[in-house]
C-alpha atoms as a PDB file:
ATOM      1  CA  MET A   1     -40.408 -34.686   3.306  1.00  0.00           C
ATOM      2  CA  ARG A   2     -38.822 -35.291  -0.083  1.00  0.00           C
ATOM      3  CA  ILE A   3     -40.869 -32.522  -1.631  1.00  0.00           C
ATOM      4  CA  LYS A   4     -39.667 -29.976   0.948  1.00  0.00           C
ATOM      5  CA  LEU A   5     -36.049 -30.985   0.356  1.00  0.00           C
ATOM      6  CA  LEU A   6     -36.526 -30.781  -3.403  1.00  0.00           C
ATOM      7  CA  VAL A   7     -38.125 -27.305  -3.120  1.00  0.00           C
ATOM      8  CA  VAL A   8     -35.296 -26.017  -0.911  1.00  0.00           C
ATOM      9  CA  LEU A   9     -32.627 -27.363  -3.283  1.00  0.00           C
ATOM     10  CA  CYS A  10     -34.380 -25.878  -6.334  1.00  0.00           C
ATOM     11  CA  LEU A  11     -34.768 -22.464  -4.689  1.00  0.00           C
ATOM     12  CA  SER A  12     -31.156 -22.377  -3.563  1.00  0.00           C
ATOM     13  CA  ALA A  13     -29.996 -23.409  -7.068  1.00  0.00           C
ATOM     14  CA  VAL A  14     -32.099 -20.664  -8.675  1.00  0.00           C
ATOM     15  CA  LEU A  15     -30.801 -18.031  -6.260  1.00  0.00           C
ATOM     16  CA  PHE A  16     -27.220 -19.177  -6.688  1.00  0.00           C
ATOM     17  CA  LEU A  17     -27.385 -19.152 -10.482  1.00  0.00           C
ATOM     18  CA  GLY A  18     -29.281 -15.876 -10.522  1.00  0.00           C
ATOM     19  CA  ALA A  19     -26.579 -14.126  -8.523  1.00  0.00           C
ATOM     20  CA  CYS A  20     -23.761 -15.387 -10.737  1.00  0.00           C
ATOM     21  CA  GLY A  21     -25.319 -14.727 -14.123  1.00  0.00           C
ATOM     22  CA  LYS A  22     -24.698 -10.980 -14.578  1.00  0.00           C
ATOM     23  CA  ASP A  23     -21.467  -9.614 -16.085  1.00  0.00           C
ATOM     24  CA  GLU A  24     -22.458  -5.961 -15.726  1.00  0.00           C
ATOM     25  CA  ASN A  25     -20.130  -5.224 -12.798  1.00  0.00           C
ATOM     26  CA  THR A  26     -17.129  -7.164 -14.030  1.00  0.00           C
ATOM     27  CA  ASN A  27     -14.188  -4.738 -14.271  1.00  0.00           C
ATOM     28  CA  ALA A  28     -16.429  -1.722 -13.899  1.00  0.00           C
ATOM     29  CA  ASN A  29     -13.378   0.558 -13.677  1.00  0.00           C
ATOM     30  CA  ALA A  30     -11.508  -0.981 -16.613  1.00  0.00           C
ATOM     31  CA  ASN A  31     -12.565   1.657 -19.143  1.00  0.00           C
ATOM     32  CA  LYS A  32     -12.169   4.689 -16.888  1.00  0.00           C
ATOM     33  CA  PRO A  33      -8.918   6.658 -17.106  1.00  0.00           C
ATOM     34  CA  ALA A  34      -6.768   6.694 -13.980  1.00  0.00           C
ATOM     35  CA  ALA A  35      -6.887   9.908 -11.981  1.00  0.00           C
ATOM     36  CA  THR A  36      -3.626  11.805 -12.035  1.00  0.00           C
ATOM     37  CA  ALA A  37      -2.511  14.544  -9.709  1.00  0.00           C
ATOM     38  CA  THR A  38      -1.993  17.967 -11.225  1.00  0.00           C
ATOM     39  CA  PRO A  39       1.252  19.490  -9.989  1.00  0.00           C
ATOM     40  CA  THR A  40       1.018  22.904  -8.382  1.00  0.00           C
ATOM     41  CA  PRO A  41       3.400  25.391  -9.957  1.00  0.00           C
ATOM     42  CA  VAL A  42       5.993  26.887  -7.632  1.00  0.00           C
ATOM     43  CA  THR A  43       6.794  30.533  -8.146  1.00  0.00           C
ATOM     44  CA  LYS A  44      10.496  31.233  -7.831  1.00  0.00           C
ATOM     45  CA  THR A  45      11.620  34.617  -6.635  1.00  0.00           C
ATOM     46  CA  THR A  46      14.969  36.224  -6.148  1.00  0.00           C
ATOM     47  CA  GLU A  47      13.878  37.660  -2.816  1.00  0.00           C
ATOM     48  CA  SER A  48      15.599  36.365   0.268  1.00  0.00           C
ATOM     49  CA  ALA A  49      14.134  36.300   3.723  1.00  0.00           C
ATOM     50  CA  THR A  50      14.914  39.431   5.664  1.00  0.00           C
ATOM     51  CA  VAL A  51      16.962  38.225   8.599  1.00  0.00           C
ATOM     52  CA  ASP A  52      18.548  40.436  11.178  1.00  0.00           C
ATOM     53  CA  PRO A  53      22.283  39.679  10.876  1.00  0.00           C
ATOM     54  CA  ASN A  54      22.676  40.075  14.635  1.00  0.00           C
ATOM     55  CA  LEU A  55      19.666  37.917  15.517  1.00  0.00           C
ATOM     56  CA  LYS A  56      21.614  34.688  15.984  1.00  0.00           C
ATOM     57  CA  SER A  57      24.178  36.210  18.336  1.00  0.00           C
ATOM     58  CA  LYS A  58      21.457  38.149  20.180  1.00  0.00           C
ATOM     59  CA  ILE A  59      19.445  34.985  20.905  1.00  0.00           C
ATOM     60  CA  GLU A  60      22.489  32.833  21.755  1.00  0.00           C
ATOM     61  CA  THR A  61      23.751  35.521  24.150  1.00  0.00           C
ATOM     62  CA  ALA A  62      20.346  35.707  25.863  1.00  0.00           C
ATOM     63  CA  LEU A  63      20.234  31.891  26.153  1.00  0.00           C
ATOM     64  CA  LYS A  64      23.742  31.727  27.623  1.00  0.00           C
ATOM     65  CA  ALA A  65      22.846  34.474  30.105  1.00  0.00           C
ATOM     66  CA  LYS A  66      20.003  32.250  31.352  1.00  0.00           C
ATOM     67  CA  GLY A  67      22.356  29.247  31.583  1.00  0.00           C
ATOM     68  CA  PHE A  68      21.391  27.397  28.383  1.00  0.00           C
ATOM     69  CA  THR A  69      24.807  26.752  26.880  1.00  0.00           C
ATOM     70  CA  ASP A  70      23.899  23.609  24.881  1.00  0.00           C
ATOM     71  CA  VAL A  71      21.307  25.332  22.665  1.00  0.00           C
ATOM     72  CA  THR A  72      22.308  26.492  19.179  1.00  0.00           C
ATOM     73  CA  VAL A  73      20.454  28.830  16.845  1.00  0.00           C
ATOM     74  CA  ASP A  74      20.325  28.483  13.043  1.00  0.00           C
ATOM     75  CA  THR A  75      18.944  31.577  11.315  1.00  0.00           C
ATOM     76  CA  ALA A  76      19.813  30.303   7.818  1.00  0.00           C
ATOM     77  CA  THR A  77      16.577  28.282   7.776  1.00  0.00           C
ATOM     78  CA  THR A  78      13.099  29.735   7.485  1.00  0.00           C
ATOM     79  CA  PRO A  79      11.691  29.663  10.090  1.00  0.00           C
ATOM     80  CA  MET A  80      14.806  29.727  12.223  1.00  0.00           C
ATOM     81  CA  THR A  81      15.725  26.524  14.042  1.00  0.00           C
ATOM     82  CA  ILE A  82      16.902  26.014  17.596  1.00  0.00           C
ATOM     83  CA  SER A  83      18.457  22.719  18.628  1.00  0.00           C
ATOM     84  CA  GLY A  84      20.391  21.174  21.484  1.00  0.00           C
ATOM     85  CA  THR A  85      19.602  19.805  24.917  1.00  0.00           C
ATOM     86  CA  VAL A  86      18.270  21.362  28.111  1.00  0.00           C
ATOM     87  CA  ALA A  87      17.461  20.091  31.577  1.00  0.00           C
ATOM     88  CA  LYS A  88      14.083  18.443  32.045  1.00  0.00           C
ATOM     89  CA  GLY A  89      11.335  21.022  32.548  1.00  0.00           C
ATOM     90  CA  LYS A  90      13.325  23.959  31.102  1.00  0.00           C
ATOM     91  CA  LEU A  91      12.075  23.792  27.504  1.00  0.00           C
ATOM     92  CA  GLY A  92       9.353  26.380  28.130  1.00  0.00           C
ATOM     93  CA  GLU A  93      11.902  28.801  29.526  1.00  0.00           C
ATOM     94  CA  VAL A  94      14.132  28.343  26.455  1.00  0.00           C
ATOM     95  CA  MET A  95      11.207  29.037  24.136  1.00  0.00           C
ATOM     96  CA  ALA A  96      10.256  32.134  26.125  1.00  0.00           C
ATOM     97  CA  VAL A  97      13.808  33.540  25.816  1.00  0.00           C
ATOM     98  CA  VAL A  98      13.863  32.810  22.088  1.00  0.00           C
ATOM     99  CA  GLN A  99      10.445  34.377  21.473  1.00  0.00           C
ATOM    100  CA  GLU A 100      11.361  37.505  23.469  1.00  0.00           C
ATOM    101  CA  ASN A 101      14.452  38.061  21.358  1.00  0.00           C
ATOM    102  CA  ASN A 102      12.997  36.847  18.055  1.00  0.00           C
ATOM    103  CA  GLY A 103      10.062  39.227  17.971  1.00  0.00           C
ATOM    104  CA  ALA A 104       7.532  36.359  18.260  1.00  0.00           C
ATOM    105  CA  LYS A 105       8.359  35.064  14.766  1.00  0.00           C
ATOM    106  CA  PRO A 106       7.950  31.334  14.018  1.00  0.00           C
ATOM    107  CA  VAL A 107      10.672  29.003  15.329  1.00  0.00           C
ATOM    108  CA  THR A 108      11.362  25.344  14.545  1.00  0.00           C
ATOM    109  CA  ASN A 109      12.120  23.674  17.868  1.00  0.00           C
ATOM    110  CA  LYS A 110      14.491  20.693  17.836  1.00  0.00           C
ATOM    111  CA  VAL A 111      15.561  21.079  21.464  1.00  0.00           C
ATOM    112  CA  THR A 112      15.350  17.918  23.577  1.00  0.00           C
ATOM    113  CA  GLU A 113      15.076  17.593  27.329  1.00  0.00           C
ATOM    114  CA  LYS A 114      17.458  15.293  29.158  1.00  0.00           C
END
């Protein structure tokens, strides 16, 4: 019985010391340089977005004709932004009116349903 206990203790001591004896993996990343992100250059142009000067009034008039008086249109942003509030379930109708009059161009929708 004592021999079995002594063998188990010796084996566990050897395994324990064997696992702790290597310094190969200590701070494996210490000598590697940190990765840095390379910024992407942004090309500046003097071109402005071609916006129909009557587009804002055209869309707002079409929205008011359908009864959406709390929706505003901002064509100064690209893509243009619509915001305001509409009755619950009417958001799809607002987007349809805007897309019909906008020529199916992208629109940022900030309209909420109440």
